[in-house]
Amino acid sequence: MDRVLTVMLGVSVPIVITAIVFMFVYQHRKMLHKERLLMIEKGIAPSGEGLQEIPHPIQRKRMLTNGITTAAIGLALLLGLGTMGYGPHLLGGLIPLAVGLGQIISYLATAEDDKKAGE
């Protein structure tokens, strides 16, 4: 009985904490949205404070940097976990490797768009 309670708490506590965090983030964004709508209704130009505007070249550079970093971590995990043999534990390295490669491919795919926009 004690073990069942421990397992239930071990599973439910992270879920509850995650739900609370998401609730606070949702409420904050909802409040910012209402504030922006009220500013627009009153004819005031809303500031870009909550928009998180990042200049395009910096955003692309970050995408490449994050992709290389994530792919390298995934590859290192894959090689490290590969020493234990084949099995589902290899997903711990394959998933970050795939995410990192996806970011790198996305960076390369949008490079043509930037060349066209620069002409």
C-alpha atoms as a PDB file:
ATOM      1  CA  MET A   1       0.000   0.000   0.000  1.00  0.00           C
ATOM      2  CA  ASP A   2       2.836   2.359   0.874  1.00  0.00           C
ATOM      3  CA  ARG A   3       4.531   1.702  -2.465  1.00  0.00           C
ATOM      4  CA  VAL A   4       1.351   2.460  -4.415  1.00  0.00           C
ATOM      5  CA  LEU A   5       0.961   5.790  -2.613  1.00  0.00           C
ATOM      6  CA  THR A   6       4.590   6.678  -3.320  1.00  0.00           C
ATOM      7  CA  VAL A   7       4.201   5.898  -7.024  1.00  0.00           C
ATOM      8  CA  MET A   8       0.943   7.880  -7.240  1.00  0.00           C
ATOM      9  CA  LEU A   9       2.570  10.893  -5.599  1.00  0.00           C
ATOM     10  CA  GLY A  10       5.636  10.542  -7.792  1.00  0.00           C
ATOM     11  CA  VAL A  11       3.472  10.693 -10.898  1.00  0.00           C
ATOM     12  CA  SER A  12       0.849  13.218  -9.821  1.00  0.00           C
ATOM     13  CA  VAL A  13       3.080  15.896  -8.255  1.00  0.00           C
ATOM     14  CA  PRO A  14       4.992  16.760 -11.474  1.00  0.00           C
ATOM     15  CA  ILE A  15       1.724  16.786 -13.420  1.00  0.00           C
ATOM     16  CA  VAL A  16       0.101  19.169 -10.929  1.00  0.00           C
ATOM     17  CA  ILE A  17       3.134  21.465 -10.862  1.00  0.00           C
ATOM     18  CA  THR A  18       3.229  21.555 -14.680  1.00  0.00           C
ATOM     19  CA  ALA A  19      -0.500  22.322 -14.808  1.00  0.00           C
ATOM     20  CA  ILE A  20      -0.082  25.212 -12.352  1.00  0.00           C
ATOM     21  CA  VAL A  21       2.791  26.683 -14.375  1.00  0.00           C
ATOM     22  CA  PHE A  22       0.783  26.436 -17.599  1.00  0.00           C
ATOM     23  CA  MET A  23      -2.205  28.054 -15.886  1.00  0.00           C
ATOM     24  CA  PHE A  24      -0.103  31.038 -14.759  1.00  0.00           C
ATOM     25  CA  VAL A  25       1.462  31.442 -18.205  1.00  0.00           C
ATOM     26  CA  TYR A  26      -1.975  31.277 -19.838  1.00  0.00           C
ATOM     27  CA  GLN A  27      -3.438  33.862 -17.463  1.00  0.00           C
ATOM     28  CA  HIS A  28      -0.477  36.192 -18.019  1.00  0.00           C
ATOM     29  CA  ARG A  29      -0.786  36.001 -21.802  1.00  0.00           C
ATOM     30  CA  LYS A  30      -4.542  36.475 -21.574  1.00  0.00           C
ATOM     31  CA  MET A  31      -4.021  39.603 -19.469  1.00  0.00           C
ATOM     32  CA  LEU A  32      -1.478  40.988 -21.973  1.00  0.00           C
ATOM     33  CA  HIS A  33      -3.904  40.305 -24.831  1.00  0.00           C
ATOM     34  CA  LYS A  34      -6.753  42.142 -23.069  1.00  0.00           C
ATOM     35  CA  GLU A  35      -4.440  45.054 -22.333  1.00  0.00           C
ATOM     36  CA  ARG A  36      -3.399  45.294 -25.991  1.00  0.00           C
ATOM     37  CA  LEU A  37      -7.021  45.165 -27.144  1.00  0.00           C
ATOM     38  CA  LEU A  38      -7.969  47.986 -24.767  1.00  0.00           C
ATOM     39  CA  MET A  39      -5.041  50.071 -26.017  1.00  0.00           C
ATOM     40  CA  ILE A  40      -6.136  49.525 -29.626  1.00  0.00           C
ATOM     41  CA  GLU A  41      -9.747  50.441 -28.776  1.00  0.00           C
ATOM     42  CA  LYS A  42      -8.589  53.710 -27.193  1.00  0.00           C
ATOM     43  CA  GLY A  43      -6.439  54.557 -30.201  1.00  0.00           C
ATOM     44  CA  ILE A  44      -3.122  54.047 -28.464  1.00  0.00           C
ATOM     45  CA  ALA A  45      -0.460  52.228 -30.455  1.00  0.00           C
ATOM     46  CA  PRO A  46       0.518  49.172 -28.405  1.00  0.00           C
ATOM     47  CA  SER A  47       4.194  48.805 -27.703  1.00  0.00           C
ATOM     48  CA  GLY A  48       6.094  45.726 -28.799  1.00  0.00           C
ATOM     49  CA  GLU A  49       6.838  44.895 -25.183  1.00  0.00           C
ATOM     50  CA  GLY A  50       5.128  41.503 -25.099  1.00  0.00           C
ATOM     51  CA  LEU A  51       5.708  40.599 -28.726  1.00  0.00           C
ATOM     52  CA  GLN A  52       9.280  39.334 -28.374  1.00  0.00           C
ATOM     53  CA  GLU A  53      10.324  40.734 -31.725  1.00  0.00           C
ATOM     54  CA  ILE A  54      13.709  39.367 -32.756  1.00  0.00           C
ATOM     55  CA  PRO A  55      15.480  40.647 -35.857  1.00  0.00           C
ATOM     56  CA  HIS A  56      15.375  38.013 -38.567  1.00  0.00           C
ATOM     57  CA  PRO A  57      19.142  37.412 -39.062  1.00  0.00           C
ATOM     58  CA  ILE A  58      19.688  36.928 -35.328  1.00  0.00           C
ATOM     59  CA  GLN A  59      16.751  34.536 -35.135  1.00  0.00           C
ATOM     60  CA  ARG A  60      18.165  32.479 -38.016  1.00  0.00           C
ATOM     61  CA  LYS A  61      21.622  32.386 -36.419  1.00  0.00           C
ATOM     62  CA  ARG A  62      20.080  31.190 -33.168  1.00  0.00           C
ATOM     63  CA  MET A  63      18.172  28.491 -35.042  1.00  0.00           C
ATOM     64  CA  LEU A  64      21.419  27.189 -36.526  1.00  0.00           C
ATOM     65  CA  THR A  65      23.282  27.403 -33.214  1.00  0.00           C
ATOM     66  CA  ASN A  66      20.487  25.648 -31.316  1.00  0.00           C
ATOM     67  CA  GLY A  67      20.220  23.000 -34.023  1.00  0.00           C
ATOM     68  CA  ILE A  68      23.925  22.198 -33.982  1.00  0.00           C
ATOM     69  CA  THR A  69      23.998  22.116 -30.175  1.00  0.00           C
ATOM     70  CA  THR A  70      20.919  19.897 -29.888  1.00  0.00           C
ATOM     71  CA  ALA A  71      22.132  17.531 -32.617  1.00  0.00           C
ATOM     72  CA  ALA A  72      25.558  17.258 -30.977  1.00  0.00           C
ATOM     73  CA  ILE A  73      24.021  16.478 -27.586  1.00  0.00           C
ATOM     74  CA  GLY A  74      21.745  13.905 -29.215  1.00  0.00           C
ATOM     75  CA  LEU A  75      24.676  12.283 -30.993  1.00  0.00           C
ATOM     76  CA  ALA A  76      26.706  12.171 -27.772  1.00  0.00           C
ATOM     77  CA  LEU A  77      23.781  10.597 -25.910  1.00  0.00           C
ATOM     78  CA  LEU A  78      23.235   8.118 -28.726  1.00  0.00           C
ATOM     79  CA  LEU A  79      26.879   7.056 -28.678  1.00  0.00           C
ATOM     80  CA  GLY A  80      26.928   6.861 -24.892  1.00  0.00           C
ATOM     81  CA  LEU A  81      23.710   4.898 -24.639  1.00  0.00           C
ATOM     82  CA  GLY A  82      24.759   2.724 -27.570  1.00  0.00           C
ATOM     83  CA  THR A  83      27.407   1.130 -25.373  1.00  0.00           C
ATOM     84  CA  MET A  84      24.573  -0.519 -23.416  1.00  0.00           C
ATOM     85  CA  GLY A  85      23.303  -2.308 -26.530  1.00  0.00           C
ATOM     86  CA  TYR A  86      20.205  -1.835 -28.640  1.00  0.00           C
ATOM     87  CA  GLY A  87      16.866  -1.008 -27.073  1.00  0.00           C
ATOM     88  CA  PRO A  88      14.339   1.711 -26.363  1.00  0.00           C
ATOM     89  CA  HIS A  89      16.855   3.594 -24.251  1.00  0.00           C
ATOM     90  CA  LEU A  90      18.466   4.793 -27.503  1.00  0.00           C
ATOM     91  CA  LEU A  91      15.491   7.120 -27.992  1.00  0.00           C
ATOM     92  CA  GLY A  92      17.125   9.344 -25.388  1.00  0.00           C
ATOM     93  CA  GLY A  93      19.738  10.169 -28.011  1.00  0.00           C
ATOM     94  CA  LEU A  94      17.744   9.745 -31.212  1.00  0.00           C
ATOM     95  CA  ILE A  95      15.041  12.271 -30.297  1.00  0.00           C
ATOM     96  CA  PRO A  96      17.388  15.233 -29.600  1.00  0.00           C
ATOM     97  CA  LEU A  97      19.438  14.278 -32.655  1.00  0.00           C
ATOM     98  CA  ALA A  98      16.318  14.396 -34.842  1.00  0.00           C
ATOM     99  CA  VAL A  99      15.189  17.717 -33.335  1.00  0.00           C
ATOM    100  CA  GLY A 100      18.617  19.243 -33.907  1.00  0.00           C
ATOM    101  CA  LEU A 101      18.761  18.001 -37.488  1.00  0.00           C
ATOM    102  CA  GLY A 102      15.275  19.406 -38.042  1.00  0.00           C
ATOM    103  CA  GLN A 103      16.420  22.834 -36.872  1.00  0.00           C
ATOM    104  CA  ILE A 104      19.466  22.704 -39.129  1.00  0.00           C
ATOM    105  CA  ILE A 105      17.326  21.657 -42.111  1.00  0.00           C
ATOM    106  CA  SER A 106      14.883  24.467 -41.321  1.00  0.00           C
ATOM    107  CA  TYR A 107      17.783  26.939 -41.273  1.00  0.00           C
ATOM    108  CA  LEU A 108      19.018  25.678 -44.638  1.00  0.00           C
ATOM    109  CA  ALA A 109      15.517  25.679 -46.141  1.00  0.00           C
ATOM    110  CA  THR A 110      14.902  29.316 -45.194  1.00  0.00           C
ATOM    111  CA  ALA A 111      18.279  30.422 -46.570  1.00  0.00           C
ATOM    112  CA  GLU A 112      16.797  30.570 -50.074  1.00  0.00           C
ATOM    113  CA  ASP A 113      13.956  32.784 -48.841  1.00  0.00           C
ATOM    114  CA  ASP A 114      16.501  35.233 -47.414  1.00  0.00           C
ATOM    115  CA  LYS A 115      18.418  35.337 -50.690  1.00  0.00           C
ATOM    116  CA  LYS A 116      15.207  36.120 -52.600  1.00  0.00           C
ATOM    117  CA  ALA A 117      14.234  38.814 -50.081  1.00  0.00           C
ATOM    118  CA  GLY A 118      17.675  40.394 -50.363  1.00  0.00           C
ATOM    119  CA  GLU A 119      17.460  40.826 -54.152  1.00  0.00           C
END
